[in-house]
Amino acid sequence: MPFTEVVTFRLREGVRTEDFLAAAFRMDREFQPTQPGYLPGSRRTLRSPDGTWMISVDWETVQDSENSQAAFADAGEITEAYLGAMDPDSARIETWELFIPPAQ
């Protein structure tokens, strides 16, 4: 069964939603698909009413998720704007194992 990486965070003070979404779109198109074990089309970007953001990404294995996190830190320009928009004190990463897949 696949694993889902869940990242929650708030934007830094002064970061505009549209600027963050532009960086997130770039991540979705340029970084995520290059990562081994990424399940295409699984990356989702959500925002709660209180302004907390959640990104979820599905991976074949926990190791794939961990390897992507390591690669993310070294991806340079692609990830700089994305990370720069996040309030680091609010960021949290968790990995969840899927037990019951969505009904088809």
PDB file of N, CA and C in Angstrom:
ATOM      1  N   MET A   1       0.834  -1.186   0.000  1.00  0.00           N
ATOM      2  CA  MET A   1       0.000   0.000   0.000  1.00  0.00           C
ATOM      3  C   MET A   1       0.877   1.248   0.000  1.00  0.00           C
ATOM      4  N   PRO A   2       0.419   2.284  -0.656  1.00  0.00           N
ATOM      5  CA  PRO A   2       1.200   3.532  -0.696  1.00  0.00           C
ATOM      6  C   PRO A   2       1.187   4.282   0.639  1.00  0.00           C
ATOM      7  N   PHE A   3       2.021   5.289   0.680  1.00  0.00           N
ATOM      8  CA  PHE A   3       2.135   6.157   1.842  1.00  0.00           C
ATOM      9  C   PHE A   3       1.820   7.582   1.413  1.00  0.00           C
ATOM     10  N   THR A   4       1.223   8.351   2.318  1.00  0.00           N
ATOM     11  CA  THR A   4       0.923   9.750   2.044  1.00  0.00           C
ATOM     12  C   THR A   4       1.753  10.619   2.974  1.00  0.00           C
ATOM     13  N   GLU A   5       2.493  11.531   2.373  1.00  0.00           N
ATOM     14  CA  GLU A   5       3.253  12.533   3.122  1.00  0.00           C
ATOM     15  C   GLU A   5       2.338  13.743   3.274  1.00  0.00           C
ATOM     16  N   VAL A   6       2.179  14.215   4.503  1.00  0.00           N
ATOM     17  CA  VAL A   6       1.313  15.357   4.785  1.00  0.00           C
ATOM     18  C   VAL A   6       2.164  16.461   5.419  1.00  0.00           C
ATOM     19  N   VAL A   7       2.140  17.626   4.793  1.00  0.00           N
ATOM     20  CA  VAL A   7       2.868  18.787   5.307  1.00  0.00           C
ATOM     21  C   VAL A   7       1.832  19.853   5.645  1.00  0.00           C
ATOM     22  N   THR A   8       1.857  20.348   6.874  1.00  0.00           N
ATOM     23  CA  THR A   8       0.975  21.449   7.265  1.00  0.00           C
ATOM     24  C   THR A   8       1.839  22.638   7.683  1.00  0.00           C
ATOM     25  N   PHE A   9       1.323  23.828   7.418  1.00  0.00           N
ATOM     26  CA  PHE A   9       2.087  25.046   7.712  1.00  0.00           C
ATOM     27  C   PHE A   9       1.195  26.263   7.517  1.00  0.00           C
ATOM     28  N   ARG A  10       1.704  27.392   7.949  1.00  0.00           N
ATOM     29  CA  ARG A  10       1.078  28.689   7.675  1.00  0.00           C
ATOM     30  C   ARG A  10       2.061  29.475   6.811  1.00  0.00           C
ATOM     31  N   LEU A  11       1.558  30.425   6.070  1.00  0.00           N
ATOM     32  CA  LEU A  11       2.437  31.278   5.274  1.00  0.00           C
ATOM     33  C   LEU A  11       3.107  32.311   6.182  1.00  0.00           C
ATOM     34  N   ARG A  12       4.300  32.724   5.780  1.00  0.00           N
ATOM     35  CA  ARG A  12       4.985  33.795   6.512  1.00  0.00           C
ATOM     36  C   ARG A  12       4.157  35.073   6.416  1.00  0.00           C
ATOM     37  N   GLU A  13       4.307  35.904   7.398  1.00  0.00           N
ATOM     38  CA  GLU A  13       3.653  37.208   7.398  1.00  0.00           C
ATOM     39  C   GLU A  13       4.024  37.962   6.118  1.00  0.00           C
ATOM     40  N   GLY A  14       3.038  38.498   5.426  1.00  0.00           N
ATOM     41  CA  GLY A  14       3.268  39.295   4.237  1.00  0.00           C
ATOM     42  C   GLY A  14       3.323  38.526   2.925  1.00  0.00           C
ATOM     43  N   VAL A  15       3.325  37.192   2.975  1.00  0.00           N
ATOM     44  CA  VAL A  15       3.352  36.404   1.740  1.00  0.00           C
ATOM     45  C   VAL A  15       1.942  36.364   1.149  1.00  0.00           C
ATOM     46  N   ARG A  16       1.834  36.717  -0.104  1.00  0.00           N
ATOM     47  CA  ARG A  16       0.533  36.712  -0.779  1.00  0.00           C
ATOM     48  C   ARG A  16       0.189  35.301  -1.233  1.00  0.00           C
ATOM     49  N   THR A  17      -1.081  34.953  -1.112  1.00  0.00           N
ATOM     50  CA  THR A  17      -1.540  33.628  -1.512  1.00  0.00           C
ATOM     51  C   THR A  17      -1.148  33.319  -2.947  1.00  0.00           C
ATOM     52  N   GLU A  18      -1.329  34.272  -3.855  1.00  0.00           N
ATOM     53  CA  GLU A  18      -1.031  34.008  -5.265  1.00  0.00           C
ATOM     54  C   GLU A  18       0.457  33.741  -5.503  1.00  0.00           C
ATOM     55  N   ASP A  19       1.334  34.356  -4.701  1.00  0.00           N
ATOM     56  CA  ASP A  19       2.771  34.086  -4.832  1.00  0.00           C
ATOM     57  C   ASP A  19       3.097  32.680  -4.348  1.00  0.00           C
ATOM     58  N   PHE A  20       2.492  32.295  -3.235  1.00  0.00           N
ATOM     59  CA  PHE A  20       2.703  30.930  -2.753  1.00  0.00           C
ATOM     60  C   PHE A  20       2.176  29.915  -3.761  1.00  0.00           C
ATOM     61  N   LEU A  21       0.983  30.160  -4.298  1.00  0.00           N
ATOM     62  CA  LEU A  21       0.400  29.203  -5.250  1.00  0.00           C
ATOM     63  C   LEU A  21       1.243  29.083  -6.518  1.00  0.00           C
ATOM     64  N   ALA A  22       1.865  30.162  -6.947  1.00  0.00           N
ATOM     65  CA  ALA A  22       2.763  30.089  -8.105  1.00  0.00           C
ATOM     66  C   ALA A  22       3.952  29.180  -7.798  1.00  0.00           C
ATOM     67  N   ALA A  23       4.505  29.305  -6.599  1.00  0.00           N
ATOM     68  CA  ALA A  23       5.625  28.445  -6.199  1.00  0.00           C
ATOM     69  C   ALA A  23       5.162  26.992  -6.057  1.00  0.00           C
ATOM     70  N   ALA A  24       3.969  26.795  -5.501  1.00  0.00           N
ATOM     71  CA  ALA A  24       3.431  25.440  -5.335  1.00  0.00           C
ATOM     72  C   ALA A  24       3.168  24.794  -6.694  1.00  0.00           C
ATOM     73  N   PHE A  25       2.659  25.567  -7.643  1.00  0.00           N
ATOM     74  CA  PHE A  25       2.404  25.056  -8.987  1.00  0.00           C
ATOM     75  C   PHE A  25       3.721  24.614  -9.634  1.00  0.00           C
ATOM     76  N   ARG A  26       4.748  25.402  -9.440  1.00  0.00           N
ATOM     77  CA  ARG A  26       6.059  25.043  -9.993  1.00  0.00           C
ATOM     78  C   ARG A  26       6.588  23.753  -9.371  1.00  0.00           C
ATOM     79  N   MET A  27       6.407  23.614  -8.069  1.00  0.00           N
ATOM     80  CA  MET A  27       6.804  22.367  -7.392  1.00  0.00           C
ATOM     81  C   MET A  27       6.076  21.182  -8.007  1.00  0.00           C
ATOM     82  N   ASP A  28       4.795  21.368  -8.229  1.00  0.00           N
ATOM     83  CA  ASP A  28       3.941  20.302  -8.769  1.00  0.00           C
ATOM     84  C   ASP A  28       4.360  19.900 -10.177  1.00  0.00           C
ATOM     85  N   ARG A  29       4.877  20.824 -10.945  1.00  0.00           N
ATOM     86  CA  ARG A  29       5.225  20.561 -12.342  1.00  0.00           C
ATOM     87  C   ARG A  29       6.697  20.218 -12.564  1.00  0.00           C
ATOM     88  N   GLU A  30       7.591  20.797 -11.743  1.00  0.00           N
ATOM     89  CA  GLU A  30       9.021  20.660 -12.019  1.00  0.00           C
ATOM     90  C   GLU A  30       9.789  19.779 -11.035  1.00  0.00           C
ATOM     91  N   PHE A  31       9.331  19.698  -9.795  1.00  0.00           N
ATOM     92  CA  PHE A  31      10.081  18.905  -8.815  1.00  0.00           C
ATOM     93  C   PHE A  31       9.437  17.549  -8.568  1.00  0.00           C
ATOM     94  N   GLN A  32       8.194  17.551  -8.169  1.00  0.00           N
ATOM     95  CA  GLN A  32       7.537  16.326  -7.745  1.00  0.00           C
ATOM     96  C   GLN A  32       7.605  15.200  -8.773  1.00  0.00           C
ATOM     97  N   PRO A  33       7.296  15.453 -10.045  1.00  0.00           N
ATOM     98  CA  PRO A  33       7.300  14.354 -11.019  1.00  0.00           C
ATOM     99  C   PRO A  33       8.668  13.714 -11.252  1.00  0.00           C
ATOM    100  N   THR A  34       9.742  14.391 -10.855  1.00  0.00           N
ATOM    101  CA  THR A  34      11.086  13.840 -11.063  1.00  0.00           C
ATOM    102  C   THR A  34      11.520  12.912  -9.938  1.00  0.00           C
ATOM    103  N   GLN A  35      10.710  12.813  -8.894  1.00  0.00           N
ATOM    104  CA  GLN A  35      11.111  12.045  -7.720  1.00  0.00           C
ATOM    105  C   GLN A  35      10.691  10.577  -7.841  1.00  0.00           C
ATOM    106  N   PRO A  36      11.651   9.650  -7.645  1.00  0.00           N
ATOM    107  CA  PRO A  36      11.316   8.225  -7.691  1.00  0.00           C
ATOM    108  C   PRO A  36      10.264   7.866  -6.638  1.00  0.00           C
ATOM    109  N   GLY A  37       9.297   7.073  -7.046  1.00  0.00           N
ATOM    110  CA  GLY A  37       8.255   6.619  -6.126  1.00  0.00           C
ATOM    111  C   GLY A  37       7.059   7.529  -6.017  1.00  0.00           C
ATOM    112  N   TYR A  38       7.137   8.726  -6.639  1.00  0.00           N
ATOM    113  CA  TYR A  38       5.995   9.647  -6.620  1.00  0.00           C
ATOM    114  C   TYR A  38       4.856   9.054  -7.423  1.00  0.00           C
ATOM    115  N   LEU A  39       3.653   9.094  -6.869  1.00  0.00           N
ATOM    116  CA  LEU A  39       2.477   8.605  -7.580  1.00  0.00           C
ATOM    117  C   LEU A  39       1.849   9.784  -8.314  1.00  0.00           C
ATOM    118  N   PRO A  40       1.989   9.818  -9.644  1.00  0.00           N
ATOM    119  CA  PRO A  40       1.549  10.972 -10.441  1.00  0.00           C
ATOM    120  C   PRO A  40       0.106  11.397 -10.151  1.00  0.00           C
ATOM    121  N   GLY A  41      -0.067  12.703 -10.096  1.00  0.00           N
ATOM    122  CA  GLY A  41      -1.395  13.268  -9.867  1.00  0.00           C
ATOM    123  C   GLY A  41      -1.873  13.232  -8.439  1.00  0.00           C
ATOM    124  N   SER A  42      -1.011  12.802  -7.518  1.00  0.00           N
ATOM    125  CA  SER A  42      -1.462  12.654  -6.131  1.00  0.00           C
ATOM    126  C   SER A  42      -1.223  13.891  -5.272  1.00  0.00           C
ATOM    127  N   ARG A  43      -0.448  14.838  -5.751  1.00  0.00           N
ATOM    128  CA  ARG A  43      -0.127  16.019  -4.934  1.00  0.00           C
ATOM    129  C   ARG A  43      -1.333  16.938  -4.859  1.00  0.00           C
ATOM    130  N   ARG A  44      -1.730  17.255  -3.612  1.00  0.00           N
ATOM    131  CA  ARG A  44      -2.891  18.108  -3.378  1.00  0.00           C
ATOM    132  C   ARG A  44      -2.484  19.267  -2.466  1.00  0.00           C
ATOM    133  N   THR A  45      -2.994  20.458  -2.772  1.00  0.00           N
ATOM    134  CA  THR A  45      -2.741  21.651  -1.970  1.00  0.00           C
ATOM    135  C   THR A  45      -4.079  22.148  -1.454  1.00  0.00           C
ATOM    136  N   LEU A  46      -4.204  22.224  -0.119  1.00  0.00           N
ATOM    137  CA  LEU A  46      -5.468  22.612   0.505  1.00  0.00           C
ATOM    138  C   LEU A  46      -5.218  23.696   1.546  1.00  0.00           C
ATOM    139  N   ARG A  47      -6.265  24.474   1.850  1.00  0.00           N
ATOM    140  CA  ARG A  47      -6.175  25.498   2.892  1.00  0.00           C
ATOM    141  C   ARG A  47      -7.423  25.425   3.756  1.00  0.00           C
ATOM    142  N   SER A  48      -7.219  25.470   5.062  1.00  0.00           N
ATOM    143  CA  SER A  48      -8.345  25.452   5.997  1.00  0.00           C
ATOM    144  C   SER A  48      -8.877  26.869   6.193  1.00  0.00           C
ATOM    145  N   PRO A  49     -10.060  27.012   6.756  1.00  0.00           N
ATOM    146  CA  PRO A  49     -10.620  28.343   7.001  1.00  0.00           C
ATOM    147  C   PRO A  49      -9.743  29.224   7.901  1.00  0.00           C
ATOM    148  N   ASP A  50      -8.915  28.589   8.771  1.00  0.00           N
ATOM    149  CA  ASP A  50      -8.066  29.397   9.651  1.00  0.00           C
ATOM    150  C   ASP A  50      -6.741  29.801   9.002  1.00  0.00           C
ATOM    151  N   GLY A  51      -6.534  29.430   7.715  1.00  0.00           N
ATOM    152  CA  GLY A  51      -5.324  29.826   7.001  1.00  0.00           C
ATOM    153  C   GLY A  51      -4.196  28.822   7.051  1.00  0.00           C
ATOM    154  N   THR A  52      -4.419  27.668   7.669  1.00  0.00           N
ATOM    155  CA  THR A  52      -3.409  26.614   7.664  1.00  0.00           C
ATOM    156  C   THR A  52      -3.449  25.900   6.318  1.00  0.00           C
ATOM    157  N   TRP A  53      -2.273  25.684   5.752  1.00  0.00           N
ATOM    158  CA  TRP A  53      -2.161  24.981   4.470  1.00  0.00           C
ATOM    159  C   TRP A  53      -1.794  23.527   4.714  1.00  0.00           C
ATOM    160  N   MET A  54      -2.229  22.670   3.810  1.00  0.00           N
ATOM    161  CA  MET A  54      -1.851  21.258   3.856  1.00  0.00           C
ATOM    162  C   MET A  54      -1.501  20.811   2.446  1.00  0.00           C
ATOM    163  N   ILE A  55      -0.351  20.182   2.330  1.00  0.00           N
ATOM    164  CA  ILE A  55       0.063  19.564   1.075  1.00  0.00           C
ATOM    165  C   ILE A  55       0.115  18.064   1.348  1.00  0.00           C
ATOM    166  N   SER A  56      -0.520  17.286   0.500  1.00  0.00           N
ATOM    167  CA  SER A  56      -0.404  15.836   0.638  1.00  0.00           C
ATOM    168  C   SER A  56       0.101  15.264  -0.679  1.00  0.00           C
ATOM    169  N   VAL A  57       0.996  14.289  -0.553  1.00  0.00           N
ATOM    170  CA  VAL A  57       1.629  13.658  -1.704  1.00  0.00           C
ATOM    171  C   VAL A  57       1.700  12.163  -1.444  1.00  0.00           C
ATOM    172  N   ASP A  58       1.324  11.366  -2.430  1.00  0.00           N
ATOM    173  CA  ASP A  58       1.375   9.913  -2.281  1.00  0.00           C
ATOM    174  C   ASP A  58       2.665   9.351  -2.867  1.00  0.00           C
ATOM    175  N   TRP A  59       3.217   8.369  -2.145  1.00  0.00           N
ATOM    176  CA  TRP A  59       4.480   7.718  -2.502  1.00  0.00           C
ATOM    177  C   TRP A  59       4.314   6.211  -2.469  1.00  0.00           C
ATOM    178  N   GLU A  60       5.131   5.528  -3.252  1.00  0.00           N
ATOM    179  CA  GLU A  60       5.103   4.069  -3.230  1.00  0.00           C
ATOM    180  C   GLU A  60       5.584   3.521  -1.898  1.00  0.00           C
ATOM    181  N   THR A  61       6.630   4.138  -1.316  1.00  0.00           N
ATOM    182  CA  THR A  61       7.188   3.658  -0.043  1.00  0.00           C
ATOM    183  C   THR A  61       7.530   4.841   0.866  1.00  0.00           C
ATOM    184  N   VAL A  62       7.713   4.558   2.141  1.00  0.00           N
ATOM    185  CA  VAL A  62       8.166   5.578   3.083  1.00  0.00           C
ATOM    186  C   VAL A  62       9.549   6.078   2.671  1.00  0.00           C
ATOM    187  N   GLN A  63      10.400   5.174   2.221  1.00  0.00           N
ATOM    188  CA  GLN A  63      11.750   5.560   1.794  1.00  0.00           C
ATOM    189  C   GLN A  63      11.700   6.568   0.642  1.00  0.00           C
ATOM    190  N   ASP A  64      10.765   6.371  -0.294  1.00  0.00           N
ATOM    191  CA  ASP A  64      10.610   7.334  -1.389  1.00  0.00           C
ATOM    192  C   ASP A  64      10.271   8.722  -0.850  1.00  0.00           C
ATOM    193  N   SER A  65       9.380   8.775   0.131  1.00  0.00           N
ATOM    194  CA  SER A  65       9.008  10.051   0.749  1.00  0.00           C
ATOM    195  C   SER A  65      10.224  10.698   1.412  1.00  0.00           C
ATOM    196  N   GLU A  66      10.967   9.912   2.166  1.00  0.00           N
ATOM    197  CA  GLU A  66      12.146  10.439   2.859  1.00  0.00           C
ATOM    198  C   GLU A  66      13.214  10.902   1.865  1.00  0.00           C
ATOM    199  N   ASN A  67      13.407  10.144   0.793  1.00  0.00           N
ATOM    200  CA  ASN A  67      14.393  10.545  -0.221  1.00  0.00           C
ATOM    201  C   ASN A  67      13.975  11.849  -0.889  1.00  0.00           C
ATOM    202  N   SER A  68      12.693  12.014  -1.137  1.00  0.00           N
ATOM    203  CA  SER A  68      12.201  13.246  -1.740  1.00  0.00           C
ATOM    204  C   SER A  68      12.421  14.428  -0.812  1.00  0.00           C
ATOM    205  N   GLN A  69      12.197  14.232   0.473  1.00  0.00           N
ATOM    206  CA  GLN A  69      12.421  15.313   1.434  1.00  0.00           C
ATOM    207  C   GLN A  69      13.886  15.744   1.424  1.00  0.00           C
ATOM    208  N   ALA A  70      14.805  14.775   1.321  1.00  0.00           N
ATOM    209  CA  ALA A  70      16.232  15.098   1.266  1.00  0.00           C
ATOM    210  C   ALA A  70      16.553  15.836  -0.034  1.00  0.00           C
ATOM    211  N   ALA A  71      15.994  15.380  -1.147  1.00  0.00           N
ATOM    212  CA  ALA A  71      16.229  16.032  -2.441  1.00  0.00           C
ATOM    213  C   ALA A  71      15.630  17.430  -2.461  1.00  0.00           C
ATOM    214  N   PHE A  72      14.505  17.596  -1.779  1.00  0.00           N
ATOM    215  CA  PHE A  72      13.811  18.880  -1.716  1.00  0.00           C
ATOM    216  C   PHE A  72      14.726  19.962  -1.153  1.00  0.00           C
ATOM    217  N   ALA A  73      15.468  19.616  -0.131  1.00  0.00           N
ATOM    218  CA  ALA A  73      16.355  20.581   0.511  1.00  0.00           C
ATOM    219  C   ALA A  73      17.463  21.054  -0.424  1.00  0.00           C
ATOM    220  N   ASP A  74      17.804  20.239  -1.433  1.00  0.00           N
ATOM    221  CA  ASP A  74      18.898  20.573  -2.342  1.00  0.00           C
ATOM    222  C   ASP A  74      18.429  20.949  -3.749  1.00  0.00           C
ATOM    223  N   ALA A  75      17.134  21.228  -3.918  1.00  0.00           N
ATOM    224  CA  ALA A  75      16.595  21.471  -5.260  1.00  0.00           C
ATOM    225  C   ALA A  75      16.772  22.902  -5.741  1.00  0.00           C
ATOM    226  N   GLY A  76      17.387  23.743  -4.940  1.00  0.00           N
ATOM    227  CA  GLY A  76      17.730  25.097  -5.372  1.00  0.00           C
ATOM    228  C   GLY A  76      16.550  25.985  -5.686  1.00  0.00           C
ATOM    229  N   GLU A  77      16.600  26.604  -6.834  1.00  0.00           N
ATOM    230  CA  GLU A  77      15.632  27.627  -7.220  1.00  0.00           C
ATOM    231  C   GLU A  77      14.186  27.133  -7.179  1.00  0.00           C
ATOM    232  N   ILE A  78      13.967  25.892  -7.540  1.00  0.00           N
ATOM    233  CA  ILE A  78      12.592  25.365  -7.568  1.00  0.00           C
ATOM    234  C   ILE A  78      11.956  25.419  -6.186  1.00  0.00           C
ATOM    235  N   THR A  79      12.729  25.106  -5.165  1.00  0.00           N
ATOM    236  CA  THR A  79      12.157  25.047  -3.820  1.00  0.00           C
ATOM    237  C   THR A  79      12.360  26.311  -2.989  1.00  0.00           C
ATOM    238  N   GLU A  80      13.240  27.209  -3.421  1.00  0.00           N
ATOM    239  CA  GLU A  80      13.526  28.408  -2.619  1.00  0.00           C
ATOM    240  C   GLU A  80      12.291  29.270  -2.379  1.00  0.00           C
ATOM    241  N   ALA A  81      11.548  29.589  -3.425  1.00  0.00           N
ATOM    242  CA  ALA A  81      10.354  30.424  -3.262  1.00  0.00           C
ATOM    243  C   ALA A  81       9.293  29.697  -2.442  1.00  0.00           C
ATOM    244  N   TYR A  82       9.198  28.414  -2.656  1.00  0.00           N
ATOM    245  CA  TYR A  82       8.225  27.592  -1.932  1.00  0.00           C
ATOM    246  C   TYR A  82       8.526  27.599  -0.434  1.00  0.00           C
ATOM    247  N   LEU A  83       9.760  27.281  -0.085  1.00  0.00           N
ATOM    248  CA  LEU A  83      10.159  27.284   1.328  1.00  0.00           C
ATOM    249  C   LEU A  83      10.121  28.685   1.921  1.00  0.00           C
ATOM    250  N   GLY A  84      10.489  29.665   1.113  1.00  0.00           N
ATOM    251  CA  GLY A  84      10.499  31.040   1.593  1.00  0.00           C
ATOM    252  C   GLY A  84       9.122  31.563   1.958  1.00  0.00           C
ATOM    253  N   ALA A  85       8.086  30.968   1.404  1.00  0.00           N
ATOM    254  CA  ALA A  85       6.717  31.393   1.706  1.00  0.00           C
ATOM    255  C   ALA A  85       6.200  30.797   3.011  1.00  0.00           C
ATOM    256  N   MET A  86       6.805  29.699   3.444  1.00  0.00           N
ATOM    257  CA  MET A  86       6.326  28.998   4.644  1.00  0.00           C
ATOM    258  C   MET A  86       6.887  29.590   5.931  1.00  0.00           C
ATOM    259  N   ASP A  87       6.048  29.634   6.950  1.00  0.00           N
ATOM    260  CA  ASP A  87       6.509  29.986   8.296  1.00  0.00           C
ATOM    261  C   ASP A  87       7.141  28.713   8.870  1.00  0.00           C
ATOM    262  N   PRO A  88       8.468  28.669   9.031  1.00  0.00           N
ATOM    263  CA  PRO A  88       9.117  27.432   9.467  1.00  0.00           C
ATOM    264  C   PRO A  88       8.691  26.968  10.854  1.00  0.00           C
ATOM    265  N   ASP A  89       8.295  27.896  11.707  1.00  0.00           N
ATOM    266  CA  ASP A  89       7.862  27.512  13.049  1.00  0.00           C
ATOM    267  C   ASP A  89       6.525  26.776  13.048  1.00  0.00           C
ATOM    268  N   SER A  90       5.771  26.925  11.976  1.00  0.00           N
ATOM    269  CA  SER A  90       4.462  26.276  11.906  1.00  0.00           C
ATOM    270  C   SER A  90       4.486  24.972  11.102  1.00  0.00           C
ATOM    271  N   ALA A  91       5.599  24.691  10.423  1.00  0.00           N
ATOM    272  CA  ALA A  91       5.666  23.545   9.511  1.00  0.00           C
ATOM    273  C   ALA A  91       5.786  22.214  10.258  1.00  0.00           C
ATOM    274  N   ARG A  92       5.064  21.241   9.733  1.00  0.00           N
ATOM    275  CA  ARG A  92       5.084  19.887  10.311  1.00  0.00           C
ATOM    276  C   ARG A  92       4.950  18.890   9.166  1.00  0.00           C
ATOM    277  N   ILE A  93       5.745  17.820   9.188  1.00  0.00           N
ATOM    278  CA  ILE A  93       5.683  16.773   8.169  1.00  0.00           C
ATOM    279  C   ILE A  93       5.371  15.454   8.849  1.00  0.00           C
ATOM    280  N   GLU A  94       4.410  14.736   8.284  1.00  0.00           N
ATOM    281  CA  GLU A  94       4.053  13.406   8.773  1.00  0.00           C
ATOM    282  C   GLU A  94       3.894  12.477   7.578  1.00  0.00           C
ATOM    283  N   THR A  95       4.112  11.196   7.805  1.00  0.00           N
ATOM    284  CA  THR A  95       3.897  10.200   6.766  1.00  0.00           C
ATOM    285  C   THR A  95       2.875   9.194   7.282  1.00  0.00           C
ATOM    286  N   TRP A  96       1.878   8.935   6.448  1.00  0.00           N
ATOM    287  CA  TRP A  96       0.767   8.064   6.804  1.00  0.00           C
ATOM    288  C   TRP A  96       0.712   6.876   5.845  1.00  0.00           C
ATOM    289  N   GLU A  97       0.462   5.694   6.375  1.00  0.00           N
ATOM    290  CA  GLU A  97       0.304   4.510   5.540  1.00  0.00           C
ATOM    291  C   GLU A  97      -1.165   4.312   5.198  1.00  0.00           C
ATOM    292  N   LEU A  98      -1.441   4.056   3.937  1.00  0.00           N
ATOM    293  CA  LEU A  98      -2.804   3.830   3.470  1.00  0.00           C
ATOM    294  C   LEU A  98      -3.214   2.396   3.748  1.00  0.00           C
ATOM    295  N   PHE A  99      -4.363   2.211   4.406  1.00  0.00           N
ATOM    296  CA  PHE A  99      -4.877   0.872   4.673  1.00  0.00           C
ATOM    297  C   PHE A  99      -6.123   0.549   3.870  1.00  0.00           C
ATOM    298  N   ILE A 100      -6.983   1.524   3.654  1.00  0.00           N
ATOM    299  CA  ILE A 100      -8.181   1.307   2.861  1.00  0.00           C
ATOM    300  C   ILE A 100      -8.185   2.341   1.743  1.00  0.00           C
ATOM    301  N   PRO A 101      -7.966   1.904   0.499  1.00  0.00           N
ATOM    302  CA  PRO A 101      -7.936   2.869  -0.617  1.00  0.00           C
ATOM    303  C   PRO A 101      -9.326   3.380  -0.929  1.00  0.00           C
ATOM    304  N   PRO A 102      -9.413   4.509  -1.640  1.00  0.00           N
ATOM    305  CA  PRO A 102     -10.717   5.033  -2.044  1.00  0.00           C
ATOM    306  C   PRO A 102     -11.480   4.019  -2.884  1.00  0.00           C
ATOM    307  N   ALA A 103     -12.775   4.008  -2.724  1.00  0.00           N
ATOM    308  CA  ALA A 103     -13.615   3.116  -3.520  1.00  0.00           C
ATOM    309  C   ALA A 103     -13.534   3.537  -4.981  1.00  0.00           C
ATOM    310  N   GLN A 104     -13.470   2.577  -5.848  1.00  0.00           N
ATOM    311  CA  GLN A 104     -13.397   2.856  -7.295  1.00  0.00           C
ATOM    312  C   GLN A 104     -14.767   2.783  -7.922  1.00  0.00           C
TER     313      GLN A 104
END
